[in-house]
Amino acid sequence: MKSRFRKAVVTAPDAETIDLAALGERDGWTCGICGEAVDKTIRCPDRAAPTIDHVLPISHGGRHRWSNVQLSHFACNMAKGDAVA
């Protein structure tokens, strides 16, 4: 159920296409959660891999838009979960 809701938000007509590399460039390859550098060559499931974090989580009404995302490490993003920053 949760994954269906998330997929619906990410593919909604008002959702924006978020490219991880472009997000990394926008955010200076710095994690928006811990403030440390993010290595763009690392891939998931490595804990240091770059991921897209929704500042206001989708589960709390956040949208999949450039204004609501930041770059984060995989581990930081997972630790944050659906908490509101």
N, C-alpha and C. Protein backbone atom coordinates (compact mmCIF):
# COMPACT_ATOMS: atom_id res chain seq x y z
N MET A 1 0.82 -1.19 0.00
CA MET A 1 0.00 0.00 0.00
C MET A 1 0.86 1.25 0.00
N LYS A 2 1.86 1.31 0.92
CA LYS A 2 2.73 2.47 1.02
C LYS A 2 3.48 2.70 -0.29
N SER A 3 3.99 1.64 -0.91
CA SER A 3 4.74 1.79 -2.15
C SER A 3 3.84 2.24 -3.31
N ARG A 4 2.58 1.82 -3.31
CA ARG A 4 1.65 2.29 -4.35
C ARG A 4 1.40 3.79 -4.22
N PHE A 5 1.24 4.25 -2.99
CA PHE A 5 1.03 5.68 -2.74
C PHE A 5 2.25 6.47 -3.19
N ARG A 6 3.43 6.00 -2.81
CA ARG A 6 4.66 6.68 -3.19
C ARG A 6 4.81 6.72 -4.70
N LYS A 7 4.55 5.62 -5.38
CA LYS A 7 4.66 5.58 -6.83
C LYS A 7 3.67 6.55 -7.47
N ALA A 8 2.48 6.64 -6.91
CA ALA A 8 1.47 7.57 -7.44
C ALA A 8 1.94 9.02 -7.32
N VAL A 9 2.60 9.36 -6.22
CA VAL A 9 3.09 10.73 -6.03
C VAL A 9 4.24 11.02 -6.98
N VAL A 10 5.16 10.09 -7.11
CA VAL A 10 6.34 10.28 -7.95
C VAL A 10 5.96 10.35 -9.44
N THR A 11 4.89 9.71 -9.83
CA THR A 11 4.46 9.72 -11.24
C THR A 11 3.26 10.63 -11.48
N ALA A 12 2.86 11.40 -10.49
CA ALA A 12 1.72 12.32 -10.62
C ALA A 12 2.00 13.37 -11.70
N PRO A 13 0.95 13.94 -12.29
CA PRO A 13 1.14 14.95 -13.32
C PRO A 13 1.96 16.17 -12.87
N ASP A 14 1.91 16.51 -11.59
CA ASP A 14 2.68 17.66 -11.10
C ASP A 14 4.08 17.29 -10.62
N ALA A 15 4.44 16.00 -10.69
CA ALA A 15 5.78 15.57 -10.27
C ALA A 15 6.80 16.02 -11.31
N GLU A 16 7.98 16.33 -10.83
CA GLU A 16 9.06 16.74 -11.71
C GLU A 16 10.08 15.61 -11.83
N THR A 17 10.76 15.55 -12.95
CA THR A 17 11.81 14.55 -13.13
C THR A 17 13.03 15.02 -12.37
N ILE A 18 13.49 14.19 -11.43
CA ILE A 18 14.64 14.53 -10.61
C ILE A 18 15.80 13.63 -11.04
N ASP A 19 16.82 14.22 -11.60
CA ASP A 19 18.01 13.50 -12.02
C ASP A 19 19.05 13.57 -10.90
N LEU A 20 19.52 12.42 -10.44
CA LEU A 20 20.44 12.37 -9.31
C LEU A 20 21.73 13.15 -9.58
N ALA A 21 22.28 13.02 -10.78
CA ALA A 21 23.51 13.74 -11.10
C ALA A 21 23.28 15.25 -11.10
N ALA A 22 22.16 15.69 -11.65
CA ALA A 22 21.85 17.12 -11.65
C ALA A 22 21.60 17.63 -10.23
N LEU A 23 20.97 16.81 -9.40
CA LEU A 23 20.74 17.18 -8.01
C LEU A 23 22.09 17.30 -7.28
N GLY A 24 22.98 16.36 -7.54
CA GLY A 24 24.32 16.42 -6.94
C GLY A 24 25.04 17.69 -7.31
N GLU A 25 24.97 18.07 -8.58
CA GLU A 25 25.61 19.31 -9.03
C GLU A 25 24.97 20.52 -8.35
N ARG A 26 23.64 20.53 -8.29
CA ARG A 26 22.94 21.64 -7.65
C ARG A 26 23.35 21.79 -6.19
N ASP A 27 23.48 20.67 -5.48
CA ASP A 27 23.78 20.68 -4.06
C ASP A 27 25.28 20.60 -3.75
N GLY A 28 26.11 20.71 -4.78
CA GLY A 28 27.56 20.70 -4.58
C GLY A 28 28.09 19.40 -4.04
N TRP A 29 27.40 18.30 -4.32
CA TRP A 29 27.78 16.97 -3.86
C TRP A 29 28.02 16.96 -2.34
N THR A 30 27.12 17.64 -1.63
CA THR A 30 27.15 17.70 -0.17
C THR A 30 25.83 17.16 0.36
N CYS A 31 25.88 16.30 1.35
CA CYS A 31 24.68 15.72 1.95
C CYS A 31 23.90 16.81 2.68
N GLY A 32 22.64 16.93 2.35
CA GLY A 32 21.77 17.91 2.99
C GLY A 32 21.41 17.56 4.42
N ILE A 33 21.70 16.35 4.84
CA ILE A 33 21.37 15.91 6.20
C ILE A 33 22.57 16.05 7.13
N CYS A 34 23.73 15.50 6.75
CA CYS A 34 24.89 15.54 7.65
C CYS A 34 25.91 16.62 7.28
N GLY A 35 25.81 17.14 6.06
CA GLY A 35 26.72 18.20 5.64
C GLY A 35 28.07 17.72 5.12
N GLU A 36 28.29 16.41 5.06
CA GLU A 36 29.55 15.85 4.57
C GLU A 36 29.50 15.66 3.05
N ALA A 37 30.67 15.51 2.44
CA ALA A 37 30.78 15.29 1.00
C ALA A 37 30.14 13.96 0.60
N VAL A 38 29.56 13.93 -0.60
CA VAL A 38 28.96 12.72 -1.15
C VAL A 38 29.76 12.34 -2.39
N ASP A 39 30.21 11.09 -2.46
CA ASP A 39 30.99 10.59 -3.59
C ASP A 39 30.04 10.10 -4.68
N LYS A 40 30.07 10.77 -5.82
CA LYS A 40 29.13 10.42 -6.90
C LYS A 40 29.44 9.09 -7.57
N THR A 41 30.59 8.49 -7.30
CA THR A 41 30.94 7.22 -7.95
C THR A 41 30.45 6.00 -7.18
N ILE A 42 29.99 6.20 -5.96
CA ILE A 42 29.52 5.07 -5.13
C ILE A 42 28.06 4.76 -5.48
N ARG A 43 27.70 3.51 -5.46
CA ARG A 43 26.34 3.09 -5.81
C ARG A 43 25.68 2.35 -4.65
N CYS A 44 24.35 2.44 -4.58
CA CYS A 44 23.57 1.69 -3.59
C CYS A 44 23.79 0.21 -3.82
N PRO A 45 23.82 -0.58 -2.78
CA PRO A 45 23.38 -0.31 -1.41
C PRO A 45 24.48 0.18 -0.48
N ASP A 46 25.60 0.68 -1.01
CA ASP A 46 26.66 1.23 -0.14
C ASP A 46 26.08 2.36 0.69
N ARG A 47 26.40 2.41 1.97
CA ARG A 47 25.85 3.41 2.89
C ARG A 47 26.21 4.84 2.51
N ALA A 48 27.30 5.01 1.77
CA ALA A 48 27.75 6.35 1.38
C ALA A 48 27.23 6.78 0.01
N ALA A 49 26.43 5.95 -0.64
CA ALA A 49 25.93 6.25 -1.97
C ALA A 49 25.01 7.48 -1.96
N PRO A 50 25.02 8.26 -3.04
CA PRO A 50 24.13 9.41 -3.14
C PRO A 50 22.68 8.98 -3.38
N THR A 51 21.75 9.65 -2.72
CA THR A 51 20.32 9.39 -2.91
C THR A 51 19.55 10.70 -2.93
N ILE A 52 18.32 10.62 -3.35
CA ILE A 52 17.41 11.76 -3.34
C ILE A 52 16.60 11.70 -2.06
N ASP A 53 16.67 12.75 -1.26
CA ASP A 53 15.91 12.84 -0.02
C ASP A 53 14.80 13.87 -0.20
N HIS A 54 13.59 13.51 0.17
CA HIS A 54 12.47 14.46 0.16
C HIS A 54 12.49 15.21 1.48
N VAL A 55 12.70 16.53 1.44
CA VAL A 55 12.79 17.34 2.65
C VAL A 55 11.50 17.17 3.46
N LEU A 56 10.36 17.40 2.82
CA LEU A 56 9.07 17.06 3.43
C LEU A 56 8.69 15.72 2.84
N PRO A 57 8.78 14.65 3.62
CA PRO A 57 8.55 13.31 3.09
C PRO A 57 7.20 13.16 2.37
N ILE A 58 7.19 12.32 1.38
CA ILE A 58 5.97 12.03 0.63
C ILE A 58 4.87 11.58 1.57
N SER A 59 5.24 10.80 2.59
CA SER A 59 4.24 10.30 3.55
C SER A 59 3.60 11.42 4.38
N HIS A 60 4.21 12.59 4.37
CA HIS A 60 3.67 13.75 5.10
C HIS A 60 3.13 14.81 4.15
N GLY A 61 2.88 14.43 2.91
CA GLY A 61 2.30 15.36 1.94
C GLY A 61 3.30 16.05 1.04
N GLY A 62 4.58 15.71 1.15
CA GLY A 62 5.59 16.31 0.28
C GLY A 62 5.40 15.86 -1.16
N ARG A 63 5.83 16.71 -2.06
CA ARG A 63 5.71 16.40 -3.49
C ARG A 63 7.08 16.03 -4.06
N HIS A 64 7.06 15.38 -5.20
CA HIS A 64 8.29 15.00 -5.90
C HIS A 64 8.65 16.16 -6.84
N ARG A 65 9.26 17.21 -6.26
CA ARG A 65 9.61 18.43 -6.98
C ARG A 65 11.01 18.87 -6.58
N TRP A 66 11.66 19.60 -7.46
CA TRP A 66 13.01 20.09 -7.18
C TRP A 66 13.06 20.91 -5.89
N SER A 67 12.02 21.63 -5.61
CA SER A 67 12.00 22.48 -4.41
C SER A 67 11.87 21.68 -3.12
N ASN A 68 11.59 20.38 -3.23
CA ASN A 68 11.40 19.54 -2.05
C ASN A 68 12.40 18.40 -1.93
N VAL A 69 13.48 18.47 -2.69
CA VAL A 69 14.47 17.39 -2.61
C VAL A 69 15.86 17.96 -2.32
N GLN A 70 16.68 17.09 -1.73
CA GLN A 70 18.07 17.42 -1.49
C GLN A 70 18.89 16.15 -1.64
N LEU A 71 20.17 16.31 -1.91
CA LEU A 71 21.08 15.18 -2.00
C LEU A 71 21.38 14.68 -0.59
N SER A 72 21.49 13.37 -0.45
CA SER A 72 21.87 12.81 0.85
C SER A 72 22.58 11.48 0.65
N HIS A 73 23.34 11.10 1.67
CA HIS A 73 23.92 9.75 1.69
C HIS A 73 22.78 8.75 1.89
N PHE A 74 22.95 7.56 1.37
CA PHE A 74 21.96 6.50 1.56
C PHE A 74 21.70 6.27 3.05
N ALA A 75 22.77 6.18 3.85
CA ALA A 75 22.61 5.92 5.29
C ALA A 75 21.89 7.07 5.99
N CYS A 76 22.22 8.30 5.63
CA CYS A 76 21.56 9.46 6.26
C CYS A 76 20.06 9.48 5.91
N ASN A 77 19.77 9.18 4.65
CA ASN A 77 18.38 9.16 4.18
C ASN A 77 17.59 8.07 4.91
N MET A 78 18.19 6.89 5.05
CA MET A 78 17.50 5.79 5.73
C MET A 78 17.31 6.09 7.21
N ALA A 79 18.29 6.73 7.84
CA ALA A 79 18.18 7.07 9.25
C ALA A 79 17.09 8.13 9.47
N LYS A 80 16.99 9.06 8.54
CA LYS A 80 15.96 10.11 8.63
C LYS A 80 14.58 9.49 8.47
N GLY A 81 14.47 8.52 7.58
CA GLY A 81 13.17 7.89 7.34
C GLY A 81 12.14 8.90 6.90
N ASP A 82 10.95 8.86 7.52
CA ASP A 82 9.90 9.81 7.13
C ASP A 82 9.77 10.94 8.14
N ALA A 83 10.87 11.19 8.86
CA ALA A 83 10.85 12.31 9.82
C ALA A 83 10.82 13.65 9.07
N VAL A 84 10.17 14.62 9.64
CA VAL A 84 10.14 15.95 9.06
C VAL A 84 11.28 16.74 9.67
N ALA A 85 12.15 17.23 8.82
CA ALA A 85 13.37 17.96 9.29
C ALA A 85 13.01 19.20 10.05
